[in-house]
């Protein structure tokens, strides 16, 4: 690997619906991210221990409060830094188009479209990589 090359960010997708998981993975791969997609909490912890992600994107079939608890457990069990952003795609807790930071580097969002989600991910990864 050339030292001048920038390695694409690794995004861990936690999604319990297979078709959605595959779709998100394909969209993020098209944006040149490295993507690992898993089904649930235990797989997310294992994957994070093997290769810590630059960002986690979650969308599980539970309410926002439960998703926040799962996100915090994944971070804790995998010993991930608070600097790694976790974005929870949540349709019941926030209004469409909204983005809410509920804890350090833990966000609830309900984008209007994939471009809005893409913008959030880009901003969070850029901030993380620049250390801002």
C-alpha atoms as a PDB file:
ATOM      1  CA  UNK A   1       0.000   0.000   0.000  1.00  0.00           C
ATOM      2  CA  UNK A   2       1.308   3.433  -0.939  1.00  0.00           C
ATOM      3  CA  UNK A   3       1.656   5.700   2.116  1.00  0.00           C
ATOM      4  CA  UNK A   4       0.048   8.525   0.118  1.00  0.00           C
ATOM      5  CA  UNK A   5      -3.108   6.477  -0.386  1.00  0.00           C
ATOM      6  CA  UNK A   6      -6.001   7.119   1.922  1.00  0.00           C
ATOM      7  CA  UNK A   7      -7.740   3.940   2.969  1.00  0.00           C
ATOM      8  CA  UNK A   8     -11.545   4.178   2.677  1.00  0.00           C
ATOM      9  CA  UNK A   9     -13.428   4.373   5.963  1.00  0.00           C
ATOM     10  CA  UNK A  10     -14.833   1.166   7.415  1.00  0.00           C
ATOM     11  CA  UNK A  11     -18.543   1.337   8.213  1.00  0.00           C
ATOM     12  CA  UNK A  12     -20.169  -1.373  10.304  1.00  0.00           C
ATOM     13  CA  UNK A  13     -23.852  -1.775   9.437  1.00  0.00           C
ATOM     14  CA  UNK A  14     -26.082  -3.436  12.027  1.00  0.00           C
ATOM     15  CA  UNK A  15     -29.430  -4.282  10.422  1.00  0.00           C
ATOM     16  CA  UNK A  16     -31.755  -7.150  11.263  1.00  0.00           C
ATOM     17  CA  UNK A  17     -33.637  -7.284   7.929  1.00  0.00           C
ATOM     18  CA  UNK A  18     -31.512  -9.071   5.318  1.00  0.00           C
ATOM     19  CA  UNK A  19     -32.850  -7.222   2.256  1.00  0.00           C
ATOM     20  CA  UNK A  20     -32.302  -3.841   3.922  1.00  0.00           C
ATOM     21  CA  UNK A  21     -28.851  -4.860   5.147  1.00  0.00           C
ATOM     22  CA  UNK A  22     -27.824  -5.870   1.619  1.00  0.00           C
ATOM     23  CA  UNK A  23     -29.265  -2.662   0.153  1.00  0.00           C
ATOM     24  CA  UNK A  24     -27.432  -0.400   2.623  1.00  0.00           C
ATOM     25  CA  UNK A  25     -24.217  -2.341   2.045  1.00  0.00           C
ATOM     26  CA  UNK A  26     -24.527  -1.899  -1.734  1.00  0.00           C
ATOM     27  CA  UNK A  27     -25.225   1.845  -1.464  1.00  0.00           C
ATOM     28  CA  UNK A  28     -22.259   2.420   0.859  1.00  0.00           C
ATOM     29  CA  UNK A  29     -19.971   0.269  -1.307  1.00  0.00           C
ATOM     30  CA  UNK A  30     -20.982   2.405  -4.294  1.00  0.00           C
ATOM     31  CA  UNK A  31     -19.753   5.419  -2.288  1.00  0.00           C
ATOM     32  CA  UNK A  32     -16.362   3.684  -1.950  1.00  0.00           C
ATOM     33  CA  UNK A  33     -16.670   2.820   1.752  1.00  0.00           C
ATOM     34  CA  UNK A  34     -15.452  -0.480   3.118  1.00  0.00           C
ATOM     35  CA  UNK A  35     -18.567  -2.070   4.614  1.00  0.00           C
ATOM     36  CA  UNK A  36     -19.218  -4.969   6.938  1.00  0.00           C
ATOM     37  CA  UNK A  37     -22.899  -5.727   7.492  1.00  0.00           C
ATOM     38  CA  UNK A  38     -24.131  -7.842  10.395  1.00  0.00           C
ATOM     39  CA  UNK A  39     -27.499  -8.861  11.784  1.00  0.00           C
ATOM     40  CA  UNK A  40     -27.341  -8.073  15.488  1.00  0.00           C
ATOM     41  CA  UNK A  41     -25.510  -7.032  18.629  1.00  0.00           C
ATOM     42  CA  UNK A  42     -23.334 -10.106  19.174  1.00  0.00           C
ATOM     43  CA  UNK A  43     -22.130 -10.140  15.562  1.00  0.00           C
ATOM     44  CA  UNK A  44     -21.439  -6.389  15.790  1.00  0.00           C
ATOM     45  CA  UNK A  45     -19.307  -6.846  18.900  1.00  0.00           C
ATOM     46  CA  UNK A  46     -17.334  -9.705  17.326  1.00  0.00           C
ATOM     47  CA  UNK A  47     -16.750  -7.769  14.103  1.00  0.00           C
ATOM     48  CA  UNK A  48     -15.730  -4.630  16.030  1.00  0.00           C
ATOM     49  CA  UNK A  49     -13.183  -6.619  18.015  1.00  0.00           C
ATOM     50  CA  UNK A  50     -11.744  -8.033  14.771  1.00  0.00           C
ATOM     51  CA  UNK A  51     -11.626  -4.686  12.948  1.00  0.00           C
ATOM     52  CA  UNK A  52     -12.742  -1.541  14.774  1.00  0.00           C
ATOM     53  CA  UNK A  53     -15.002   0.473  12.469  1.00  0.00           C
ATOM     54  CA  UNK A  54     -14.678   4.170  11.703  1.00  0.00           C
ATOM     55  CA  UNK A  55     -18.463   4.529  12.036  1.00  0.00           C
ATOM     56  CA  UNK A  56     -21.415   2.304  12.964  1.00  0.00           C
ATOM     57  CA  UNK A  57     -24.786   2.601  11.231  1.00  0.00           C
ATOM     58  CA  UNK A  58     -27.649   0.829  13.005  1.00  0.00           C
ATOM     59  CA  UNK A  59     -31.227   0.119  12.059  1.00  0.00           C
ATOM     60  CA  UNK A  60     -32.941  -2.535  14.128  1.00  0.00           C
ATOM     61  CA  UNK A  61     -36.605  -3.427  14.487  1.00  0.00           C
ATOM     62  CA  UNK A  62     -36.832  -2.093  18.048  1.00  0.00           C
ATOM     63  CA  UNK A  63     -37.684   1.350  19.399  1.00  0.00           C
ATOM     64  CA  UNK A  64     -35.151   4.141  19.701  1.00  0.00           C
ATOM     65  CA  UNK A  65     -34.539   3.659  23.422  1.00  0.00           C
ATOM     66  CA  UNK A  66     -33.678  -0.013  22.881  1.00  0.00           C
ATOM     67  CA  UNK A  67     -31.435   0.858  19.928  1.00  0.00           C
ATOM     68  CA  UNK A  68     -29.561   3.396  22.050  1.00  0.00           C
ATOM     69  CA  UNK A  69     -29.023   0.726  24.720  1.00  0.00           C
ATOM     70  CA  UNK A  70     -27.777  -1.751  22.097  1.00  0.00           C
ATOM     71  CA  UNK A  71     -25.423   0.867  20.625  1.00  0.00           C
ATOM     72  CA  UNK A  72     -23.978   1.606  24.050  1.00  0.00           C
ATOM     73  CA  UNK A  73     -23.521  -2.105  24.783  1.00  0.00           C
ATOM     74  CA  UNK A  74     -21.754  -2.669  21.451  1.00  0.00           C
ATOM     75  CA  UNK A  75     -19.420   0.248  22.192  1.00  0.00           C
ATOM     76  CA  UNK A  76     -18.748  -1.053  25.708  1.00  0.00           C
ATOM     77  CA  UNK A  77     -18.384  -4.758  24.892  1.00  0.00           C
ATOM     78  CA  UNK A  78     -16.116  -4.099  21.895  1.00  0.00           C
ATOM     79  CA  UNK A  79     -14.151  -1.478  23.849  1.00  0.00           C
ATOM     80  CA  UNK A  80     -14.725   1.127  21.138  1.00  0.00           C
ATOM     81  CA  UNK A  81     -13.731   4.731  21.648  1.00  0.00           C
ATOM     82  CA  UNK A  82     -16.395   7.375  22.180  1.00  0.00           C
ATOM     83  CA  UNK A  83     -14.820   9.051  19.141  1.00  0.00           C
ATOM     84  CA  UNK A  84     -16.359   6.414  16.853  1.00  0.00           C
ATOM     85  CA  UNK A  85     -19.719   7.787  15.726  1.00  0.00           C
ATOM     86  CA  UNK A  86     -22.784   5.582  15.947  1.00  0.00           C
ATOM     87  CA  UNK A  87     -25.726   6.606  13.783  1.00  0.00           C
ATOM     88  CA  UNK A  88     -29.075   5.013  14.542  1.00  0.00           C
ATOM     89  CA  UNK A  89     -31.599   5.165  11.736  1.00  0.00           C
ATOM     90  CA  UNK A  90     -34.810   5.445  13.725  1.00  0.00           C
ATOM     91  CA  UNK A  91     -38.284   5.968  12.293  1.00  0.00           C
ATOM     92  CA  UNK A  92     -40.250   6.243  15.539  1.00  0.00           C
ATOM     93  CA  UNK A  93     -38.189   8.483  17.826  1.00  0.00           C
ATOM     94  CA  UNK A  94     -37.331  11.459  15.610  1.00  0.00           C
ATOM     95  CA  UNK A  95     -39.169  13.444  12.953  1.00  0.00           C
ATOM     96  CA  UNK A  96     -38.450  12.878   9.288  1.00  0.00           C
ATOM     97  CA  UNK A  97     -35.378  14.837   8.249  1.00  0.00           C
ATOM     98  CA  UNK A  98     -34.199  15.167  11.851  1.00  0.00           C
ATOM     99  CA  UNK A  99     -30.836  14.356  13.382  1.00  0.00           C
ATOM    100  CA  UNK A 100     -30.360  14.358  17.160  1.00  0.00           C
ATOM    101  CA  UNK A 101     -27.176  13.776  19.149  1.00  0.00           C
ATOM    102  CA  UNK A 102     -28.265  11.814  22.241  1.00  0.00           C
ATOM    103  CA  UNK A 103     -24.808  11.103  23.698  1.00  0.00           C
ATOM    104  CA  UNK A 104     -21.231  11.783  22.646  1.00  0.00           C
ATOM    105  CA  UNK A 105     -20.939  10.508  19.062  1.00  0.00           C
ATOM    106  CA  UNK A 106     -24.336   8.794  19.236  1.00  0.00           C
ATOM    107  CA  UNK A 107     -26.953  10.110  16.834  1.00  0.00           C
ATOM    108  CA  UNK A 108     -30.567   9.339  16.055  1.00  0.00           C
ATOM    109  CA  UNK A 109     -31.605  10.227  12.549  1.00  0.00           C
ATOM    110  CA  UNK A 110     -34.490   9.827  10.169  1.00  0.00           C
ATOM    111  CA  UNK A 111     -33.273  11.171   6.849  1.00  0.00           C
ATOM    112  CA  UNK A 112     -35.653  12.216   4.092  1.00  0.00           C
ATOM    113  CA  UNK A 113     -33.527  10.287   1.600  1.00  0.00           C
ATOM    114  CA  UNK A 114     -30.233   8.468   1.201  1.00  0.00           C
ATOM    115  CA  UNK A 115     -28.449  11.666   0.132  1.00  0.00           C
ATOM    116  CA  UNK A 116     -29.226  13.244   3.508  1.00  0.00           C
ATOM    117  CA  UNK A 117     -27.901  10.151   5.316  1.00  0.00           C
ATOM    118  CA  UNK A 118     -24.853  10.156   3.023  1.00  0.00           C
ATOM    119  CA  UNK A 119     -24.158  13.781   3.981  1.00  0.00           C
ATOM    120  CA  UNK A 120     -24.357  12.982   7.706  1.00  0.00           C
ATOM    121  CA  UNK A 121     -22.002  10.014   7.365  1.00  0.00           C
ATOM    122  CA  UNK A 122     -19.514  12.061   5.318  1.00  0.00           C
ATOM    123  CA  UNK A 123     -19.563  14.905   7.865  1.00  0.00           C
ATOM    124  CA  UNK A 124     -19.090  12.566  10.841  1.00  0.00           C
ATOM    125  CA  UNK A 125     -16.276  10.624   9.194  1.00  0.00           C
ATOM    126  CA  UNK A 126     -14.514  13.802   8.087  1.00  0.00           C
ATOM    127  CA  UNK A 127     -14.759  15.222  11.613  1.00  0.00           C
ATOM    128  CA  UNK A 128     -13.426  11.963  13.088  1.00  0.00           C
ATOM    129  CA  UNK A 129     -10.534  11.728  10.640  1.00  0.00           C
ATOM    130  CA  UNK A 130      -9.551  15.364  11.153  1.00  0.00           C
ATOM    131  CA  UNK A 131      -9.857  15.024  14.921  1.00  0.00           C
ATOM    132  CA  UNK A 132     -12.189  18.022  15.192  1.00  0.00           C
END
